[in-house]
Each structure stands twice: as C-alpha cells, then as structure tokens.
Amino acid sequence: MRILIIDDEMTVLTKMKVLFSAFGDCTLALTAQQALQMFAAAIQEGAHFSLITIDIQLGGSNGINLLEALNRLENQHALP
C-alpha cells in the first residue's frame, strides 16, 4: 500500500512515518504544492496512493482546499 503523509512540520511527518510504515510505503510532503505534484506523478505512473493523511492547518495553505484539489485530480483520471 502506498501512503502519502502531508504535514508542514517535519517532526509530525517523522512520527507519522514511523506509525504508518508498518502498513505500507510512506511518502512525505511538507507543502500542499509538493503533495499535489507527488499525487499527480503517482497517477501518471499508475501507482496511486491508497491512503492519504492531510494536516488541516498547512502553512500557507488549507488542508480542506488541498483535499478538494486531490479529489478533482481523482475525478479527472476516473480513479475510485
């Protein structure tokens, strides 16, 4: 299982990776922009993420807005 963990604090990312690495391969993103790029690249590679965690209060962005952008990408590529 591929897991994308999105948070603007490296300490939180590290802790989340430790927790989730038992369940799959973890990819970390510090910004919404970075997360969107990683998500789009995963779709293009045909290896989308099975689980995504998003910090609601991202520095310079909002986790809810990021979630909406990820959902739009999923819909554009007809992903479940």
N, C-alpha and C. Protein backbone atom coordinates (compact mmCIF):
# COMPACT_ATOMS: atom_id res chain seq x y z
N MET A 1 0.86 -1.18 0.00
CA MET A 1 0.00 0.00 0.00
C MET A 1 0.90 1.23 0.00
N ARG A 2 0.56 2.20 -0.83
CA ARG A 2 1.28 3.47 -0.87
C ARG A 2 0.52 4.50 -0.03
N ILE A 3 1.27 5.19 0.82
CA ILE A 3 0.69 6.14 1.76
C ILE A 3 1.35 7.50 1.56
N LEU A 4 0.54 8.55 1.43
CA LEU A 4 1.04 9.92 1.33
C LEU A 4 0.69 10.64 2.62
N ILE A 5 1.72 11.16 3.29
CA ILE A 5 1.54 11.88 4.56
C ILE A 5 1.90 13.34 4.31
N ILE A 6 0.95 14.24 4.58
CA ILE A 6 1.14 15.66 4.29
C ILE A 6 1.03 16.46 5.58
N ASP A 7 2.12 17.13 5.93
CA ASP A 7 2.15 17.98 7.12
C ASP A 7 3.27 18.98 6.95
N ASP A 8 3.12 20.17 7.52
CA ASP A 8 4.15 21.19 7.38
C ASP A 8 5.18 21.16 8.51
N GLU A 9 5.11 20.18 9.38
CA GLU A 9 6.09 20.03 10.46
C GLU A 9 6.83 18.71 10.30
N MET A 10 8.14 18.79 10.17
CA MET A 10 8.95 17.60 9.94
C MET A 10 8.84 16.60 11.10
N THR A 11 8.71 17.10 12.32
CA THR A 11 8.58 16.20 13.47
C THR A 11 7.33 15.33 13.34
N VAL A 12 6.23 15.95 12.94
CA VAL A 12 4.98 15.21 12.76
C VAL A 12 5.12 14.21 11.62
N LEU A 13 5.72 14.64 10.51
CA LEU A 13 5.93 13.72 9.38
C LEU A 13 6.73 12.50 9.80
N THR A 14 7.77 12.73 10.57
CA THR A 14 8.62 11.62 11.02
C THR A 14 7.83 10.65 11.90
N LYS A 15 7.07 11.18 12.82
CA LYS A 15 6.26 10.33 13.72
C LYS A 15 5.21 9.56 12.94
N MET A 16 4.56 10.24 12.01
CA MET A 16 3.53 9.57 11.20
C MET A 16 4.15 8.47 10.34
N LYS A 17 5.33 8.72 9.81
CA LYS A 17 6.00 7.70 9.01
C LYS A 17 6.31 6.47 9.84
N VAL A 18 6.76 6.68 11.06
CA VAL A 18 7.04 5.55 11.95
C VAL A 18 5.77 4.75 12.20
N LEU A 19 4.66 5.44 12.44
CA LEU A 19 3.39 4.77 12.71
C LEU A 19 2.85 4.00 11.50
N PHE A 20 2.91 4.63 10.32
CA PHE A 20 2.29 4.04 9.14
C PHE A 20 3.19 3.13 8.32
N SER A 21 4.48 3.15 8.56
CA SER A 21 5.38 2.34 7.73
C SER A 21 5.13 0.84 7.89
N ALA A 22 4.50 0.44 8.97
CA ALA A 22 4.15 -0.97 9.15
C ALA A 22 3.06 -1.40 8.17
N PHE A 23 2.35 -0.43 7.60
CA PHE A 23 1.22 -0.73 6.71
C PHE A 23 1.53 -0.54 5.24
N GLY A 24 2.66 0.12 4.95
CA GLY A 24 3.00 0.33 3.55
C GLY A 24 4.14 1.30 3.36
N ASP A 25 4.38 1.63 2.09
CA ASP A 25 5.45 2.54 1.71
C ASP A 25 4.96 3.98 1.88
N CYS A 26 5.65 4.74 2.72
CA CYS A 26 5.24 6.11 3.04
C CYS A 26 6.02 7.14 2.23
N THR A 27 5.29 8.11 1.69
CA THR A 27 5.86 9.26 1.00
C THR A 27 5.46 10.48 1.80
N LEU A 28 6.42 11.41 2.00
CA LEU A 28 6.17 12.57 2.83
C LEU A 28 6.15 13.85 2.00
N ALA A 29 5.23 14.76 2.34
CA ALA A 29 5.14 16.05 1.67
C ALA A 29 5.02 17.14 2.73
N LEU A 30 5.83 18.20 2.57
CA LEU A 30 5.81 19.32 3.52
C LEU A 30 4.85 20.44 3.14
N THR A 31 4.44 20.49 1.87
CA THR A 31 3.56 21.57 1.40
C THR A 31 2.44 21.00 0.54
N ALA A 32 1.40 21.79 0.39
CA ALA A 32 0.28 21.38 -0.46
C ALA A 32 0.74 21.25 -1.91
N GLN A 33 1.58 22.17 -2.35
CA GLN A 33 2.09 22.14 -3.72
C GLN A 33 2.89 20.86 -3.96
N GLN A 34 3.75 20.52 -3.04
CA GLN A 34 4.55 19.30 -3.15
C GLN A 34 3.64 18.07 -3.19
N ALA A 35 2.63 18.06 -2.34
CA ALA A 35 1.70 16.93 -2.28
C ALA A 35 0.95 16.77 -3.60
N LEU A 36 0.49 17.88 -4.17
CA LEU A 36 -0.22 17.83 -5.46
C LEU A 36 0.68 17.27 -6.56
N GLN A 37 1.94 17.70 -6.57
CA GLN A 37 2.88 17.20 -7.57
C GLN A 37 3.12 15.70 -7.40
N MET A 38 3.29 15.26 -6.17
CA MET A 38 3.51 13.84 -5.90
C MET A 38 2.29 13.01 -6.28
N PHE A 39 1.11 13.55 -5.96
CA PHE A 39 -0.14 12.86 -6.26
C PHE A 39 -0.32 12.71 -7.77
N ALA A 40 -0.09 13.81 -8.51
CA ALA A 40 -0.21 13.79 -9.96
C ALA A 40 0.80 12.83 -10.58
N ALA A 41 2.03 12.85 -10.07
CA ALA A 41 3.06 11.94 -10.59
C ALA A 41 2.69 10.49 -10.34
N ALA A 42 2.12 10.20 -9.18
CA ALA A 42 1.71 8.83 -8.87
C ALA A 42 0.61 8.36 -9.82
N ILE A 43 -0.30 9.25 -10.16
CA ILE A 43 -1.36 8.90 -11.11
C ILE A 43 -0.75 8.59 -12.47
N GLN A 44 0.17 9.45 -12.91
CA GLN A 44 0.81 9.25 -14.22
C GLN A 44 1.59 7.93 -14.26
N GLU A 45 2.17 7.53 -13.13
CA GLU A 45 2.94 6.29 -13.05
C GLU A 45 2.03 5.07 -12.91
N GLY A 46 0.74 5.30 -12.68
CA GLY A 46 -0.19 4.20 -12.48
C GLY A 46 -0.07 3.54 -11.12
N ALA A 47 0.48 4.29 -10.17
CA ALA A 47 0.69 3.75 -8.81
C ALA A 47 0.15 4.76 -7.79
N HIS A 48 -1.18 4.97 -7.83
CA HIS A 48 -1.76 5.99 -6.96
C HIS A 48 -1.68 5.57 -5.49
N PHE A 49 -1.92 6.54 -4.62
CA PHE A 49 -1.86 6.30 -3.18
C PHE A 49 -3.15 5.66 -2.68
N SER A 50 -3.01 4.72 -1.76
CA SER A 50 -4.16 4.05 -1.16
C SER A 50 -4.68 4.81 0.06
N LEU A 51 -3.77 5.53 0.72
CA LEU A 51 -4.12 6.26 1.93
C LEU A 51 -3.39 7.60 1.92
N ILE A 52 -4.12 8.66 2.26
CA ILE A 52 -3.52 9.99 2.34
C ILE A 52 -3.95 10.61 3.66
N THR A 53 -2.96 11.14 4.40
CA THR A 53 -3.27 11.91 5.61
C THR A 53 -2.90 13.35 5.33
N ILE A 54 -3.76 14.28 5.75
CA ILE A 54 -3.54 15.70 5.47
C ILE A 54 -3.71 16.50 6.76
N ASP A 55 -2.73 17.34 7.04
CA ASP A 55 -2.84 18.30 8.13
C ASP A 55 -3.82 19.38 7.69
N ILE A 56 -4.79 19.68 8.51
CA ILE A 56 -5.80 20.68 8.16
C ILE A 56 -5.19 22.08 8.09
N GLN A 57 -4.25 22.40 8.97
CA GLN A 57 -3.63 23.72 9.03
C GLN A 57 -2.23 23.68 8.43
N LEU A 58 -2.14 23.59 7.11
CA LEU A 58 -0.85 23.62 6.44
C LEU A 58 -0.36 25.06 6.32
N GLY A 59 0.92 25.27 6.53
CA GLY A 59 1.48 26.61 6.38
C GLY A 59 1.28 27.13 4.97
N GLY A 60 0.64 28.27 4.83
CA GLY A 60 0.41 28.86 3.53
C GLY A 60 -0.72 28.22 2.74
N SER A 61 -1.40 27.26 3.31
CA SER A 61 -2.48 26.58 2.61
C SER A 61 -3.47 26.02 3.63
N ASN A 62 -4.47 25.37 3.10
CA ASN A 62 -5.53 24.79 3.93
C ASN A 62 -5.71 23.34 3.50
N GLY A 63 -5.73 22.43 4.47
CA GLY A 63 -5.88 21.02 4.16
C GLY A 63 -7.18 20.69 3.44
N ILE A 64 -8.23 21.42 3.73
CA ILE A 64 -9.52 21.19 3.08
C ILE A 64 -9.42 21.53 1.59
N ASN A 65 -8.78 22.67 1.28
CA ASN A 65 -8.60 23.05 -0.12
C ASN A 65 -7.74 22.04 -0.86
N LEU A 66 -6.71 21.54 -0.19
CA LEU A 66 -5.86 20.52 -0.79
C LEU A 66 -6.67 19.25 -1.07
N LEU A 67 -7.48 18.84 -0.13
CA LEU A 67 -8.32 17.66 -0.32
C LEU A 67 -9.23 17.83 -1.53
N GLU A 68 -9.82 19.00 -1.68
CA GLU A 68 -10.67 19.27 -2.85
C GLU A 68 -9.88 19.17 -4.15
N ALA A 69 -8.65 19.68 -4.15
CA ALA A 69 -7.80 19.61 -5.35
C ALA A 69 -7.43 18.16 -5.66
N LEU A 70 -7.14 17.37 -4.64
CA LEU A 70 -6.84 15.95 -4.85
C LEU A 70 -8.06 15.21 -5.40
N ASN A 71 -9.22 15.53 -4.87
CA ASN A 71 -10.47 14.91 -5.37
C ASN A 71 -10.71 15.26 -6.83
N ARG A 72 -10.44 16.52 -7.22
CA ARG A 72 -10.60 16.91 -8.62
C ARG A 72 -9.67 16.10 -9.52
N LEU A 73 -8.42 15.92 -9.09
CA LEU A 73 -7.49 15.11 -9.87
C LEU A 73 -7.96 13.66 -10.00
N GLU A 74 -8.48 13.12 -8.90
CA GLU A 74 -9.02 11.75 -8.96
C GLU A 74 -10.17 11.66 -9.96
N ASN A 75 -11.05 12.62 -9.91
CA ASN A 75 -12.21 12.62 -10.82
C ASN A 75 -11.77 12.78 -12.28
N GLN A 76 -10.79 13.64 -12.53
CA GLN A 76 -10.30 13.85 -13.89
C GLN A 76 -9.70 12.57 -14.48
N HIS A 77 -9.13 11.73 -13.62
CA HIS A 77 -8.50 10.50 -14.08
C HIS A 77 -9.36 9.27 -13.79
N ALA A 78 -10.61 9.48 -13.39
CA ALA A 78 -11.57 8.40 -13.12
C ALA A 78 -11.01 7.37 -12.15
N LEU A 79 -10.37 7.85 -11.07
CA LEU A 79 -9.88 6.94 -10.03
C LEU A 79 -10.98 6.72 -8.99
N PRO A 80 -11.00 5.55 -8.41
CA PRO A 80 -12.02 5.28 -7.36
C PRO A 80 -11.71 6.05 -6.08
